[in-house]
Each structure stands twice: as C-alpha cells, then as structure tokens.
Amino acid sequence: MIFIGVDHGTTGIRFACISEGAREAVYELSREDAAGMSTHEIMNAIEKGLNISFDDVGLVALTYSMGDGISHVTDIRSVPMRGLREEETAAGKRVGGGTRVFDAFRSSDMPVVLIPGIHADLECVDWRMRFLSHGASPDKVCVAYHIFKRGYRNFVFADISSNTVSVAVAEGRIKGAIDACIFAPGLIHGPLDLQLLRDVERGRMSANEAFSNAGVLRKFGFRRGIERDKAFETIALFAAMEISALLVFLRSLQTHSSPQAAHVFLTGSVGESEWMRKRISEILKSGWDECRVHKVSKNSAAIGCAEIARDVFNGEVNILGIPVCRQMPRRF
C-alpha cells in the first residue's frame, strides 16, 4: 500500500510517496509546467516521477494555497472553493499550476483528503494567537507532523525560502503560527512596512504586489557580494527573532516550574542550509542557553503530508489537534 502527500509550495509542487515499509520517494513539478499540462499529463508525470502505480494508492493527502476555508482534514470532493475562504484573494504569485494539480486529483478515482491551513477558526490554536486571522498555509501543518513523527512534541520551526513562516507546537498540538506577511522576510516576500503601506495607499501597487516585493533580495538586490551577504544576514536575524517570540509563547503555555529545553527546526530552501542553521543558532544562544537548532529537508512538507495520509488511512482521528472528518473517502 502506497500513500501520497502533495505539497503546494511557493517554488514548486512536491509529491512524496511512502509505503508501509521503508520506501520513500519525492518528485517535484514546477508550478509553471503544471499550469500548461492537461489532467492526464499531470497524473502521468506524477506516476513516472514517483515510479509508482496509482492502483496501489491507499490515500492521498493534499495541500492547496491558504487552506483557510476548512478546519478539518476533509474529503477533497466535499469542500467548496478548493478549501479557501476567498478563492481569488490568496497572497503571493498566482500561476495556476497548483489549481491544475488540485483539480486533477479531485477528478481522479483515488481517495483524497485536503489539509487545512493554520488560521483563527482552528480550535487547537491558542485563543491569543487567533488574533491573527491566518498563521500558515497547510504545508506547514505537514512539516509539523513530520517533526512530530520523529518523536518531538514541543518545538518551534521556521520554514525559510521565498518567504518565512514559523509555527509553534506544544504537547503535540499546533498552538500558533506567524505568517509571512507579518514579521520575518524571506527571499522574495515580506511584511508591509510603513513605506509599502504608503505605496499601496497611493495606488502605486496592490497589497499583494507589495507583499511579493518585500523580501530581502528585492530590497538588497540580486547582485552577489556584500549585498547578498547582507540579505542572508538579515533573514537570519529576523527569523531568529520570530523563533524567539514563539519560544516565549511556548513557555507561556507550560504550567510546570522547569520548562523543557527548546527544540528549534529549520526547513525550506534557505532554512536547510548549514550556514543558516549555524547563524540562527548563534543568535538564539544569546537568549536561549539550552536552545537546540536542527534541520529538516525542504521535502519534509510533502513527506509529512504522506505520513498524514498513511495515519488517517489507518484510523487516526486527530492530526496535531486538527480533527479528521468522520466520513473518509474511499476508492471509487
């Protein structure tokens, strides 16, 4: 039996498959390529890329865009507007490849579930963190689940790539997240500071265009050398501050007198670099003596998604505090 996870990421769509044994494979399809492919071409590319047959699939778990329209792990064929609250107003660049992949799986004969994002309607999220309407897209749930399956119950992770998003998990439940448009910048996307707010207000750009031009490479430039060094040093500082804020949040949740040592994970195309791990570790150690910084692969979202598919198939009713709908899909 094979289980598939689909990570609708910023830079590409990643597919992971795992089996009941030790087999694991990952395949990536660019959003631009997927946008120009038919349903048949997409499904053939996935089968070939993962070297599998869809006939052997027990369950697929899929992420899509913000995932803010659902609060349960849900049958893909029962969700309106592809699981979004407002389908045409998701933040970031709209290409169309993720939509093609979503529709390809929805029209297939395979059982498929959709993973929600982290937002204010999730009951597992701490009431204070619900002040933020949206915390993270569904792929971050899958990263958290992959770390959880490695034996960690209390941790913070930062996914650093085109944008930066951080998530806090306490006692195996997602408690809050800080989204890309709020604090730490990534390479391309970032928060809207005063000048960007002025530019939006004056009609020079839309809010989404501002968000998509607020990353460090946009501000420092794409040239190599000192500007690039400044860009990555800036990411490290802001990501460390965002992680530190969530570590404070985690400690506020702990009721016993001696808080556990903090576990921090980095992922994403930037976060998984050894330089970034060491630099963020150095910055955090100035305030968190027992902080341990680990890395997980940028494929961890797709793999974690496949792990969710496997566990839901085997009867799991709760994913990090997110309930699983009772009526699960079956193969047609």
C-alpha atoms as a PDB file:
ATOM      1  CA  MET A   1       0.000   0.000   0.000  1.00  0.00           C
ATOM      2  CA  ILE A   2       1.287   3.449  -1.012  1.00  0.00           C
ATOM      3  CA  PHE A   3       0.400   6.865   0.458  1.00  0.00           C
ATOM      4  CA  ILE A   4       0.956  10.152  -1.347  1.00  0.00           C
ATOM      5  CA  GLY A   5       1.464  13.660   0.010  1.00  0.00           C
ATOM      6  CA  VAL A   6       1.194  16.773  -2.171  1.00  0.00           C
ATOM      7  CA  ASP A   7       2.899  19.997  -1.071  1.00  0.00           C
ATOM      8  CA  HIS A   8       1.621  23.058  -2.946  1.00  0.00           C
ATOM      9  CA  GLY A   9       4.701  25.166  -2.244  1.00  0.00           C
ATOM     10  CA  THR A  10       5.769  28.636  -3.335  1.00  0.00           C
ATOM     11  CA  THR A  11       8.532  27.481  -5.663  1.00  0.00           C
ATOM     12  CA  GLY A  12       7.017  24.213  -6.884  1.00  0.00           C
ATOM     13  CA  ILE A  13       4.643  21.341  -6.239  1.00  0.00           C
ATOM     14  CA  ARG A  14       6.291  18.402  -4.474  1.00  0.00           C
ATOM     15  CA  PHE A  15       4.890  14.894  -4.356  1.00  0.00           C
ATOM     16  CA  ALA A  16       6.063  12.310  -1.831  1.00  0.00           C
ATOM     17  CA  CYS A  17       5.092   8.687  -1.540  1.00  0.00           C
ATOM     18  CA  ILE A  18       5.685   6.340   1.355  1.00  0.00           C
ATOM     19  CA  SER A  19       4.728   2.723   1.842  1.00  0.00           C
ATOM     20  CA  GLU A  20       4.055   0.604   4.887  1.00  0.00           C
ATOM     21  CA  GLY A  21       7.676  -0.429   4.547  1.00  0.00           C
ATOM     22  CA  ALA A  22      10.693   1.857   4.272  1.00  0.00           C
ATOM     23  CA  ARG A  23      10.179   3.005   0.680  1.00  0.00           C
ATOM     24  CA  GLU A  24      10.147   6.773   0.162  1.00  0.00           C
ATOM     25  CA  ALA A  25      10.316   8.898  -2.995  1.00  0.00           C
ATOM     26  CA  VAL A  26       9.899  12.593  -3.825  1.00  0.00           C
ATOM     27  CA  TYR A  27       9.134  14.253  -7.158  1.00  0.00           C
ATOM     28  CA  GLU A  28       8.888  17.988  -7.899  1.00  0.00           C
ATOM     29  CA  LEU A  29       6.896  19.666 -10.667  1.00  0.00           C
ATOM     30  CA  SER A  30       7.204  23.401 -11.303  1.00  0.00           C
ATOM     31  CA  ARG A  31       4.010  25.384 -10.989  1.00  0.00           C
ATOM     32  CA  GLU A  32       4.611  26.884 -14.429  1.00  0.00           C
ATOM     33  CA  ASP A  33       4.946  23.455 -16.072  1.00  0.00           C
ATOM     34  CA  ALA A  34       1.860  22.150 -14.306  1.00  0.00           C
ATOM     35  CA  ALA A  35      -0.144  25.171 -15.453  1.00  0.00           C
ATOM     36  CA  GLY A  36       0.384  24.142 -19.069  1.00  0.00           C
ATOM     37  CA  MET A  37      -0.387  20.448 -18.642  1.00  0.00           C
ATOM     38  CA  SER A  38      -3.617  18.512 -19.021  1.00  0.00           C
ATOM     39  CA  THR A  39      -5.022  16.362 -16.212  1.00  0.00           C
ATOM     40  CA  HIS A  40      -3.779  13.234 -18.000  1.00  0.00           C
ATOM     41  CA  GLU A  41      -0.283  14.688 -18.424  1.00  0.00           C
ATOM     42  CA  ILE A  42      -0.089  15.722 -14.768  1.00  0.00           C
ATOM     43  CA  MET A  43      -1.107  12.304 -13.469  1.00  0.00           C
ATOM     44  CA  ASN A  44       1.272  10.523 -15.841  1.00  0.00           C
ATOM     45  CA  ALA A  45       4.134  12.785 -14.754  1.00  0.00           C
ATOM     46  CA  ILE A  46       3.461  12.012 -11.079  1.00  0.00           C
ATOM     47  CA  GLU A  47       3.313   8.244 -11.631  1.00  0.00           C
ATOM     48  CA  LYS A  48       6.530   8.353 -13.629  1.00  0.00           C
ATOM     49  CA  GLY A  49       8.292  10.760 -11.251  1.00  0.00           C
ATOM     50  CA  LEU A  50       7.496   8.645  -8.181  1.00  0.00           C
ATOM     51  CA  ASN A  51       7.843   5.338 -10.064  1.00  0.00           C
ATOM     52  CA  ILE A  52       4.507   4.075  -8.759  1.00  0.00           C
ATOM     53  CA  SER A  53       1.084   2.944  -9.941  1.00  0.00           C
ATOM     54  CA  PHE A  54      -1.952   4.825  -8.695  1.00  0.00           C
ATOM     55  CA  ASP A  55      -3.680   1.454  -8.410  1.00  0.00           C
ATOM     56  CA  ASP A  56      -1.560   0.832  -5.300  1.00  0.00           C
ATOM     57  CA  VAL A  57      -2.506   4.090  -3.531  1.00  0.00           C
ATOM     58  CA  GLY A  58      -4.474   3.829  -0.295  1.00  0.00           C
ATOM     59  CA  LEU A  59      -4.937   7.570   0.329  1.00  0.00           C
ATOM     60  CA  VAL A  60      -3.650  10.927  -0.926  1.00  0.00           C
ATOM     61  CA  ALA A  61      -3.312  13.989   1.319  1.00  0.00           C
ATOM     62  CA  LEU A  62      -3.112  17.292  -0.497  1.00  0.00           C
ATOM     63  CA  THR A  63      -2.384  20.916   0.447  1.00  0.00           C
ATOM     64  CA  TYR A  64      -3.612  23.902  -1.518  1.00  0.00           C
ATOM     65  CA  SER A  65      -2.968  27.613  -1.137  1.00  0.00           C
ATOM     66  CA  MET A  66      -4.021  29.181   2.202  1.00  0.00           C
ATOM     67  CA  GLY A  67      -6.388  26.381   3.272  1.00  0.00           C
ATOM     68  CA  ASP A  68      -8.350  28.850   5.390  1.00  0.00           C
ATOM     69  CA  GLY A  69     -11.822  27.687   4.355  1.00  0.00           C
ATOM     70  CA  ILE A  70     -11.756  24.379   6.244  1.00  0.00           C
ATOM     71  CA  SER A  71     -10.911  23.378   9.826  1.00  0.00           C
ATOM     72  CA  HIS A  72     -10.821  19.575   9.454  1.00  0.00           C
ATOM     73  CA  VAL A  73      -8.893  17.068   7.387  1.00  0.00           C
ATOM     74  CA  THR A  74     -11.636  16.677   4.798  1.00  0.00           C
ATOM     75  CA  ASP A  75     -12.570  14.698   1.695  1.00  0.00           C
ATOM     76  CA  ILE A  76     -11.431  16.859  -1.225  1.00  0.00           C
ATOM     77  CA  ARG A  77     -14.718  16.334  -3.057  1.00  0.00           C
ATOM     78  CA  SER A  78     -16.810  17.826  -0.243  1.00  0.00           C
ATOM     79  CA  VAL A  79     -15.057  21.217   0.100  1.00  0.00           C
ATOM     80  CA  PRO A  80     -16.299  24.382  -1.614  1.00  0.00           C
ATOM     81  CA  MET A  81     -13.906  26.820  -3.334  1.00  0.00           C
ATOM     82  CA  ARG A  82     -10.980  24.364  -3.063  1.00  0.00           C
ATOM     83  CA  GLY A  83     -10.899  24.861   0.715  1.00  0.00           C
ATOM     84  CA  LEU A  84     -10.389  28.626   0.581  1.00  0.00           C
ATOM     85  CA  ARG A  85     -12.400  31.346   2.260  1.00  0.00           C
ATOM     86  CA  GLU A  86     -11.928  33.673  -0.712  1.00  0.00           C
ATOM     87  CA  GLU A  87     -10.599  31.816  -3.738  1.00  0.00           C
ATOM     88  CA  GLU A  88      -9.329  34.784  -5.743  1.00  0.00           C
ATOM     89  CA  THR A  89      -7.570  36.666  -2.948  1.00  0.00           C
ATOM     90  CA  ALA A  90      -4.775  34.351  -1.788  1.00  0.00           C
ATOM     91  CA  ALA A  91      -1.471  36.091  -1.098  1.00  0.00           C
ATOM     92  CA  GLY A  92       1.517  35.533  -3.353  1.00  0.00           C
ATOM     93  CA  LYS A  93       2.029  34.867  -7.041  1.00  0.00           C
ATOM     94  CA  ARG A  94      -0.843  33.136  -8.830  1.00  0.00           C
ATOM     95  CA  VAL A  95       0.395  30.770 -11.562  1.00  0.00           C
ATOM     96  CA  GLY A  96      -2.344  28.165 -11.968  1.00  0.00           C
ATOM     97  CA  GLY A  97      -0.245  25.010 -11.645  1.00  0.00           C
ATOM     98  CA  GLY A  98      -1.440  24.225  -8.142  1.00  0.00           C
ATOM     99  CA  THR A  99      -5.040  24.589  -9.249  1.00  0.00           C
ATOM    100  CA  ARG A 100      -4.422  22.174 -12.130  1.00  0.00           C
ATOM    101  CA  VAL A 101      -2.964  19.608  -9.724  1.00  0.00           C
ATOM    102  CA  PHE A 102      -5.823  20.067  -7.249  1.00  0.00           C
ATOM    103  CA  ASP A 103      -8.423  19.535  -9.962  1.00  0.00           C
ATOM    104  CA  ALA A 104      -6.535  16.544 -11.368  1.00  0.00           C
ATOM    105  CA  PHE A 105      -6.683  14.735  -8.030  1.00  0.00           C
ATOM    106  CA  ARG A 106     -10.272  15.785  -7.359  1.00  0.00           C
ATOM    107  CA  SER A 107     -11.357  14.311 -10.685  1.00  0.00           C
ATOM    108  CA  SER A 108      -9.384  11.089 -10.194  1.00  0.00           C
ATOM    109  CA  ASP A 109     -10.774   7.849  -8.781  1.00  0.00           C
ATOM    110  CA  MET A 110      -8.367   7.924  -5.839  1.00  0.00           C
ATOM    111  CA  PRO A 111      -9.420   8.748  -2.256  1.00  0.00           C
ATOM    112  CA  VAL A 112      -8.023  12.212  -1.457  1.00  0.00           C
ATOM    113  CA  VAL A 113      -8.157  14.388   1.655  1.00  0.00           C
ATOM    114  CA  LEU A 114      -7.436  18.110   1.904  1.00  0.00           C
ATOM    115  CA  ILE A 115      -5.350  19.506   4.775  1.00  0.00           C
ATOM    116  CA  PRO A 116      -6.428  22.832   6.334  1.00  0.00           C
ATOM    117  CA  GLY A 117      -4.112  25.738   6.989  1.00  0.00           C
ATOM    118  CA  ILE A 118      -3.438  27.260  10.410  1.00  0.00           C
ATOM    119  CA  HIS A 119      -5.982  30.034  10.965  1.00  0.00           C
ATOM    120  CA  ALA A 120      -8.239  31.621  13.544  1.00  0.00           C
ATOM    121  CA  ASP A 121     -11.027  29.030  13.187  1.00  0.00           C
ATOM    122  CA  LEU A 122      -8.847  26.089  14.285  1.00  0.00           C
ATOM    123  CA  GLU A 123      -9.862  25.117  17.813  1.00  0.00           C
ATOM    124  CA  CYS A 124      -6.372  23.817  18.667  1.00  0.00           C
ATOM    125  CA  VAL A 125      -4.837  27.283  18.159  1.00  0.00           C
ATOM    126  CA  ASP A 126      -4.342  29.242  21.382  1.00  0.00           C
ATOM    127  CA  TRP A 127      -7.041  31.893  21.749  1.00  0.00           C
ATOM    128  CA  ARG A 128      -4.450  34.678  21.889  1.00  0.00           C
ATOM    129  CA  MET A 129      -2.922  33.623  18.575  1.00  0.00           C
ATOM    130  CA  ARG A 130      -6.372  33.715  16.979  1.00  0.00           C
ATOM    131  CA  PHE A 131      -5.921  37.473  16.996  1.00  0.00           C
ATOM    132  CA  LEU A 132      -4.203  36.776  13.665  1.00  0.00           C
ATOM    133  CA  SER A 133      -6.711  35.691  11.013  1.00  0.00           C
ATOM    134  CA  HIS A 134      -4.166  33.458   9.314  1.00  0.00           C
ATOM    135  CA  GLY A 135      -0.990  31.859  10.608  1.00  0.00           C
ATOM    136  CA  ALA A 136       0.323  29.449   7.980  1.00  0.00           C
ATOM    137  CA  SER A 137      -0.648  27.504   4.871  1.00  0.00           C
ATOM    138  CA  PRO A 138      -1.449  23.760   5.035  1.00  0.00           C
ATOM    139  CA  ASP A 139       2.058  22.617   4.075  1.00  0.00           C
ATOM    140  CA  LYS A 140       3.263  23.927   7.456  1.00  0.00           C
ATOM    141  CA  VAL A 141       0.867  21.510   9.175  1.00  0.00           C
ATOM    142  CA  CYS A 142       2.610  18.751   7.241  1.00  0.00           C
ATOM    143  CA  VAL A 143       6.109  19.942   8.233  1.00  0.00           C
ATOM    144  CA  ALA A 144       4.977  19.986  11.869  1.00  0.00           C
ATOM    145  CA  TYR A 145       3.568  16.475  11.539  1.00  0.00           C
ATOM    146  CA  HIS A 146       6.825  15.182  10.041  1.00  0.00           C
ATOM    147  CA  ILE A 147       8.756  16.596  13.019  1.00  0.00           C
ATOM    148  CA  PHE A 148       6.153  15.202  15.433  1.00  0.00           C
ATOM    149  CA  LYS A 149       6.525  11.731  13.914  1.00  0.00           C
ATOM    150  CA  ARG A 150      10.251  11.934  14.656  1.00  0.00           C
ATOM    151  CA  GLY A 151       9.393  11.990  18.356  1.00  0.00           C
ATOM    152  CA  TYR A 152       9.141  15.707  19.204  1.00  0.00           C
ATOM    153  CA  ARG A 153       6.092  17.109  20.994  1.00  0.00           C
ATOM    154  CA  ASN A 154       7.231  20.641  21.914  1.00  0.00           C
ATOM    155  CA  PHE A 155       9.018  22.655  19.251  1.00  0.00           C
ATOM    156  CA  VAL A 156       9.139  25.687  17.008  1.00  0.00           C
ATOM    157  CA  PHE A 157      10.079  25.533  13.360  1.00  0.00           C
ATOM    158  CA  ALA A 158      10.738  28.174  10.715  1.00  0.00           C
ATOM    159  CA  ASP A 159      10.255  27.468   7.029  1.00  0.00           C
ATOM    160  CA  ILE A 160      12.595  29.879   5.241  1.00  0.00           C
ATOM    161  CA  SER A 161      12.608  30.198   1.458  1.00  0.00           C
ATOM    162  CA  SER A 162      10.760  32.678  -0.753  1.00  0.00           C
ATOM    163  CA  ASN A 163       9.018  33.711   2.454  1.00  0.00           C
ATOM    164  CA  THR A 164       9.427  32.919   6.146  1.00  0.00           C
ATOM    165  CA  VAL A 165       6.709  31.283   8.259  1.00  0.00           C
ATOM    166  CA  SER A 166       7.130  29.951  11.803  1.00  0.00           C
ATOM    167  CA  VAL A 167       4.943  27.532  13.772  1.00  0.00           C
ATOM    168  CA  ALA A 168       4.719  26.556  17.457  1.00  0.00           C
ATOM    169  CA  VAL A 169       3.671  23.073  18.645  1.00  0.00           C
ATOM    170  CA  ALA A 170       3.060  22.249  22.322  1.00  0.00           C
ATOM    171  CA  GLU A 171       2.272  18.772  23.652  1.00  0.00           C
ATOM    172  CA  GLY A 172       1.755  17.532  20.121  1.00  0.00           C
ATOM    173  CA  ARG A 173      -0.801  20.213  19.205  1.00  0.00           C
ATOM    174  CA  ILE A 174      -0.431  23.203  16.907  1.00  0.00           C
ATOM    175  CA  LYS A 175      -0.860  26.287  19.078  1.00  0.00           C
ATOM    176  CA  GLY A 176       0.015  29.183  16.790  1.00  0.00           C
ATOM    177  CA  ALA A 177       1.933  30.490  13.799  1.00  0.00           C
ATOM    178  CA  ILE A 178       3.370  33.717  12.403  1.00  0.00           C
ATOM    179  CA  ASP A 179       2.663  34.182   8.720  1.00  0.00           C
ATOM    180  CA  ALA A 180       4.956  35.558   6.023  1.00  0.00           C
ATOM    181  CA  CYS A 181       3.270  38.955   5.760  1.00  0.00           C
ATOM    182  CA  ILE A 182       3.646  39.727   9.481  1.00  0.00           C
ATOM    183  CA  PHE A 183       7.286  39.719  10.560  1.00  0.00           C
ATOM    184  CA  ALA A 184      10.364  37.902   9.225  1.00  0.00           C
ATOM    185  CA  PRO A 185      11.086  38.379   5.492  1.00  0.00           C
ATOM    186  CA  GLY A 186      12.072  35.681   3.041  1.00  0.00           C
ATOM    187  CA  LEU A 187      13.960  35.979  -0.218  1.00  0.00           C
ATOM    188  CA  ILE A 188      11.022  37.388  -2.203  1.00  0.00           C
ATOM    189  CA  HIS A 189       8.072  38.041   0.145  1.00  0.00           C
ATOM    190  CA  GLY A 190       7.959  40.011   3.367  1.00  0.00           C
ATOM    191  CA  PRO A 191       5.968  42.224   5.733  1.00  0.00           C
ATOM    192  CA  LEU A 192       4.419  45.510   4.671  1.00  0.00           C
ATOM    193  CA  ASP A 193       6.353  48.272   6.404  1.00  0.00           C
ATOM    194  CA  LEU A 194       5.375  51.952   6.506  1.00  0.00           C
ATOM    195  CA  GLN A 195       6.762  52.814   3.078  1.00  0.00           C
ATOM    196  CA  LEU A 196       4.993  49.894   1.426  1.00  0.00           C
ATOM    197  CA  LEU A 197       1.746  50.861   3.150  1.00  0.00           C
ATOM    198  CA  ARG A 198       2.171  54.352   1.710  1.00  0.00           C
ATOM    199  CA  ASP A 199       2.814  52.914  -1.750  1.00  0.00           C
ATOM    200  CA  VAL A 200      -0.346  50.816  -1.520  1.00  0.00           C
ATOM    201  CA  GLU A 201      -2.376  53.746  -0.213  1.00  0.00           C
ATOM    202  CA  ARG A 202      -1.213  55.938  -3.101  1.00  0.00           C
ATOM    203  CA  GLY A 203      -2.162  53.288  -5.651  1.00  0.00           C
ATOM    204  CA  ARG A 204       1.398  52.564  -6.787  1.00  0.00           C
ATOM    205  CA  MET A 205       0.869  48.842  -6.206  1.00  0.00           C
ATOM    206  CA  SER A 206      -1.626  46.398  -4.747  1.00  0.00           C
ATOM    207  CA  ALA A 207      -1.160  44.958  -1.252  1.00  0.00           C
ATOM    208  CA  ASN A 208      -0.271  41.595  -2.809  1.00  0.00           C
ATOM    209  CA  GLU A 209       2.321  43.246  -5.069  1.00  0.00           C
ATOM    210  CA  ALA A 210       3.803  44.943  -2.011  1.00  0.00           C
ATOM    211  CA  PHE A 211       3.984  41.631  -0.144  1.00  0.00           C
ATOM    212  CA  SER A 212       5.591  39.998  -3.181  1.00  0.00           C
ATOM    213  CA  ASN A 213       8.295  42.666  -3.339  1.00  0.00           C
ATOM    214  CA  ALA A 214       9.204  42.943   0.353  1.00  0.00           C
ATOM    215  CA  GLY A 215      11.781  40.140   0.600  1.00  0.00           C
ATOM    216  CA  VAL A 216      15.473  40.719   1.212  1.00  0.00           C
ATOM    217  CA  LEU A 217      16.544  40.140  -2.388  1.00  0.00           C
ATOM    218  CA  ARG A 218      14.044  42.753  -3.553  1.00  0.00           C
ATOM    219  CA  LYS A 219      15.385  45.269  -1.056  1.00  0.00           C
ATOM    220  CA  PHE A 220      19.113  44.482  -1.245  1.00  0.00           C
ATOM    221  CA  GLY A 221      19.216  43.467  -4.913  1.00  0.00           C
ATOM    222  CA  PHE A 222      20.157  40.225  -6.612  1.00  0.00           C
ATOM    223  CA  ARG A 223      23.845  41.034  -7.055  1.00  0.00           C
ATOM    224  CA  ARG A 224      26.386  38.745  -5.430  1.00  0.00           C
ATOM    225  CA  GLY A 225      28.827  40.050  -2.863  1.00  0.00           C
ATOM    226  CA  ILE A 226      28.178  42.301   0.095  1.00  0.00           C
ATOM    227  CA  GLU A 227      24.526  42.936  -0.808  1.00  0.00           C
ATOM    228  CA  ARG A 228      23.813  39.204  -0.884  1.00  0.00           C
ATOM    229  CA  ASP A 229      25.650  38.715   2.431  1.00  0.00           C
ATOM    230  CA  LYS A 230      23.537  41.475   3.964  1.00  0.00           C
ATOM    231  CA  ALA A 231      20.399  39.826   2.621  1.00  0.00           C
ATOM    232  CA  PHE A 232      21.077  36.462   4.264  1.00  0.00           C
ATOM    233  CA  GLU A 233      22.301  38.043   7.493  1.00  0.00           C
ATOM    234  CA  THR A 234      19.033  39.985   7.635  1.00  0.00           C
ATOM    235  CA  ILE A 235      16.982  36.830   7.141  1.00  0.00           C
ATOM    236  CA  ALA A 236      18.936  35.092   9.915  1.00  0.00           C
ATOM    237  CA  LEU A 237      18.344  37.949  12.364  1.00  0.00           C
ATOM    238  CA  PHE A 238      14.630  38.343  11.695  1.00  0.00           C
ATOM    239  CA  ALA A 239      13.993  34.581  11.604  1.00  0.00           C
ATOM    240  CA  ALA A 240      15.802  34.200  14.950  1.00  0.00           C
ATOM    241  CA  MET A 241      13.687  36.986  16.451  1.00  0.00           C
ATOM    242  CA  GLU A 242      10.489  35.362  15.141  1.00  0.00           C
ATOM    243  CA  ILE A 243      11.537  31.963  16.521  1.00  0.00           C
ATOM    244  CA  SER A 244      12.429  33.567  19.847  1.00  0.00           C
ATOM    245  CA  ALA A 245       8.986  35.161  20.046  1.00  0.00           C
ATOM    246  CA  LEU A 246       7.354  31.753  19.591  1.00  0.00           C
ATOM    247  CA  LEU A 247       9.672  30.234  22.205  1.00  0.00           C
ATOM    248  CA  VAL A 248       8.369  32.855  24.641  1.00  0.00           C
ATOM    249  CA  PHE A 249       4.845  31.867  23.587  1.00  0.00           C
ATOM    250  CA  LEU A 250       5.597  28.171  24.214  1.00  0.00           C
ATOM    251  CA  ARG A 251       6.903  28.921  27.692  1.00  0.00           C
ATOM    252  CA  SER A 252       3.721  30.828  28.458  1.00  0.00           C
ATOM    253  CA  LEU A 253       1.831  27.572  27.780  1.00  0.00           C
ATOM    254  CA  GLN A 254       3.930  25.431  30.127  1.00  0.00           C
ATOM    255  CA  THR A 255       2.440  25.015  33.574  1.00  0.00           C
ATOM    256  CA  HIS A 256       5.275  23.143  35.302  1.00  0.00           C
ATOM    257  CA  SER A 257       8.097  25.022  37.053  1.00  0.00           C
ATOM    258  CA  SER A 258      11.033  23.839  34.931  1.00  0.00           C
ATOM    259  CA  PRO A 259      10.409  24.409  31.191  1.00  0.00           C
ATOM    260  CA  GLN A 260      11.791  21.816  28.818  1.00  0.00           C
ATOM    261  CA  ALA A 261      14.770  22.610  26.611  1.00  0.00           C
ATOM    262  CA  ALA A 262      13.631  24.310  23.434  1.00  0.00           C
ATOM    263  CA  HIS A 263      13.833  22.403  20.161  1.00  0.00           C
ATOM    264  CA  VAL A 264      14.005  24.515  17.030  1.00  0.00           C
ATOM    265  CA  PHE A 265      13.851  23.243  13.464  1.00  0.00           C
ATOM    266  CA  LEU A 266      14.622  24.977  10.190  1.00  0.00           C
ATOM    267  CA  THR A 267      13.413  23.922   6.774  1.00  0.00           C
ATOM    268  CA  GLY A 268      12.953  25.362   3.297  1.00  0.00           C
ATOM    269  CA  SER A 269      15.474  26.051   0.548  1.00  0.00           C
ATOM    270  CA  VAL A 270      17.211  28.672   2.734  1.00  0.00           C
ATOM    271  CA  GLY A 271      16.486  27.174   6.142  1.00  0.00           C
ATOM    272  CA  GLU A 272      18.063  23.816   5.363  1.00  0.00           C
ATOM    273  CA  SER A 273      21.473  25.376   4.602  1.00  0.00           C
ATOM    274  CA  GLU A 274      24.126  24.697   7.230  1.00  0.00           C
ATOM    275  CA  TRP A 275      25.217  28.350   7.239  1.00  0.00           C
ATOM    276  CA  MET A 276      21.690  29.478   8.151  1.00  0.00           C
ATOM    277  CA  ARG A 277      21.369  26.834  10.874  1.00  0.00           C
ATOM    278  CA  LYS A 278      24.662  27.890  12.470  1.00  0.00           C
ATOM    279  CA  ARG A 279      23.927  31.605  12.224  1.00  0.00           C
ATOM    280  CA  ILE A 280      20.430  31.370  13.683  1.00  0.00           C
ATOM    281  CA  SER A 281      21.777  29.083  16.403  1.00  0.00           C
ATOM    282  CA  GLU A 282      24.411  31.681  17.285  1.00  0.00           C
ATOM    283  CA  ILE A 283      21.835  34.458  17.501  1.00  0.00           C
ATOM    284  CA  LEU A 284      19.381  32.399  19.573  1.00  0.00           C
ATOM    285  CA  LYS A 285      22.041  31.282  22.047  1.00  0.00           C
ATOM    286  CA  SER A 286      22.392  34.879  23.216  1.00  0.00           C
ATOM    287  CA  GLY A 287      18.983  34.495  24.869  1.00  0.00           C
ATOM    288  CA  TRP A 288      18.275  30.740  24.987  1.00  0.00           C
ATOM    289  CA  ASP A 289      21.175  28.802  26.504  1.00  0.00           C
ATOM    290  CA  GLU A 290      19.518  25.406  26.013  1.00  0.00           C
ATOM    291  CA  CYS A 291      18.178  26.043  22.517  1.00  0.00           C
ATOM    292  CA  ARG A 292      18.981  23.277  20.017  1.00  0.00           C
ATOM    293  CA  VAL A 293      18.632  24.076  16.329  1.00  0.00           C
ATOM    294  CA  HIS A 294      18.052  21.190  13.907  1.00  0.00           C
ATOM    295  CA  LYS A 295      17.339  20.986  10.182  1.00  0.00           C
ATOM    296  CA  VAL A 296      14.752  19.043   8.217  1.00  0.00           C
ATOM    297  CA  SER A 297      14.677  18.690   4.447  1.00  0.00           C
ATOM    298  CA  LYS A 298      12.699  21.072   2.250  1.00  0.00           C
ATOM    299  CA  ASN A 299      10.843  17.899   1.227  1.00  0.00           C
ATOM    300  CA  SER A 300       9.537  17.475   4.778  1.00  0.00           C
ATOM    301  CA  ALA A 301       6.163  19.082   3.931  1.00  0.00           C
ATOM    302  CA  ALA A 302       5.453  16.564   1.159  1.00  0.00           C
ATOM    303  CA  ILE A 303       6.710  13.665   3.288  1.00  0.00           C
ATOM    304  CA  GLY A 304       4.712  14.835   6.314  1.00  0.00           C
ATOM    305  CA  CYS A 305       1.657  15.085   4.103  1.00  0.00           C
ATOM    306  CA  ALA A 306       2.162  11.465   3.012  1.00  0.00           C
ATOM    307  CA  GLU A 307       2.551  10.473   6.678  1.00  0.00           C
ATOM    308  CA  ILE A 308      -0.785  12.153   7.410  1.00  0.00           C
ATOM    309  CA  ALA A 309      -2.364  10.171   4.551  1.00  0.00           C
ATOM    310  CA  ARG A 310      -0.977   6.914   5.960  1.00  0.00           C
ATOM    311  CA  ASP A 311      -2.115   7.599   9.522  1.00  0.00           C
ATOM    312  CA  VAL A 312      -5.582   8.826   8.520  1.00  0.00           C
ATOM    313  CA  PHE A 313      -5.982   5.703   6.381  1.00  0.00           C
ATOM    314  CA  ASN A 314      -5.080   3.624   9.444  1.00  0.00           C
ATOM    315  CA  GLY A 315      -7.701   5.324  11.604  1.00  0.00           C
ATOM    316  CA  GLU A 316      -6.069   8.439  13.095  1.00  0.00           C
ATOM    317  CA  VAL A 317      -8.790  10.936  14.060  1.00  0.00           C
ATOM    318  CA  ASN A 318      -6.614  13.862  15.136  1.00  0.00           C
ATOM    319  CA  ILE A 319      -3.638  15.496  13.412  1.00  0.00           C
ATOM    320  CA  LEU A 320      -1.770  17.802  15.838  1.00  0.00           C
ATOM    321  CA  GLY A 321      -5.100  18.925  17.280  1.00  0.00           C
ATOM    322  CA  ILE A 322      -6.840  19.197  13.891  1.00  0.00           C
ATOM    323  CA  PRO A 323      -9.804  16.802  13.713  1.00  0.00           C
ATOM    324  CA  VAL A 324     -10.308  14.360  10.865  1.00  0.00           C
ATOM    325  CA  CYS A 325     -13.796  14.262   9.337  1.00  0.00           C
ATOM    326  CA  ARG A 326     -15.602  11.044  10.172  1.00  0.00           C
ATOM    327  CA  GLN A 327     -16.574  10.335   6.586  1.00  0.00           C
ATOM    328  CA  MET A 328     -13.329   9.498   4.859  1.00  0.00           C
ATOM    329  CA  PRO A 329     -13.142   8.969   1.093  1.00  0.00           C
ATOM    330  CA  ARG A 330     -12.838   5.525  -0.422  1.00  0.00           C
ATOM    331  CA  ARG A 331     -11.667   4.500  -3.853  1.00  0.00           C
ATOM    332  CA  PHE A 332     -14.442   4.709  -6.423  1.00  0.00           C
END
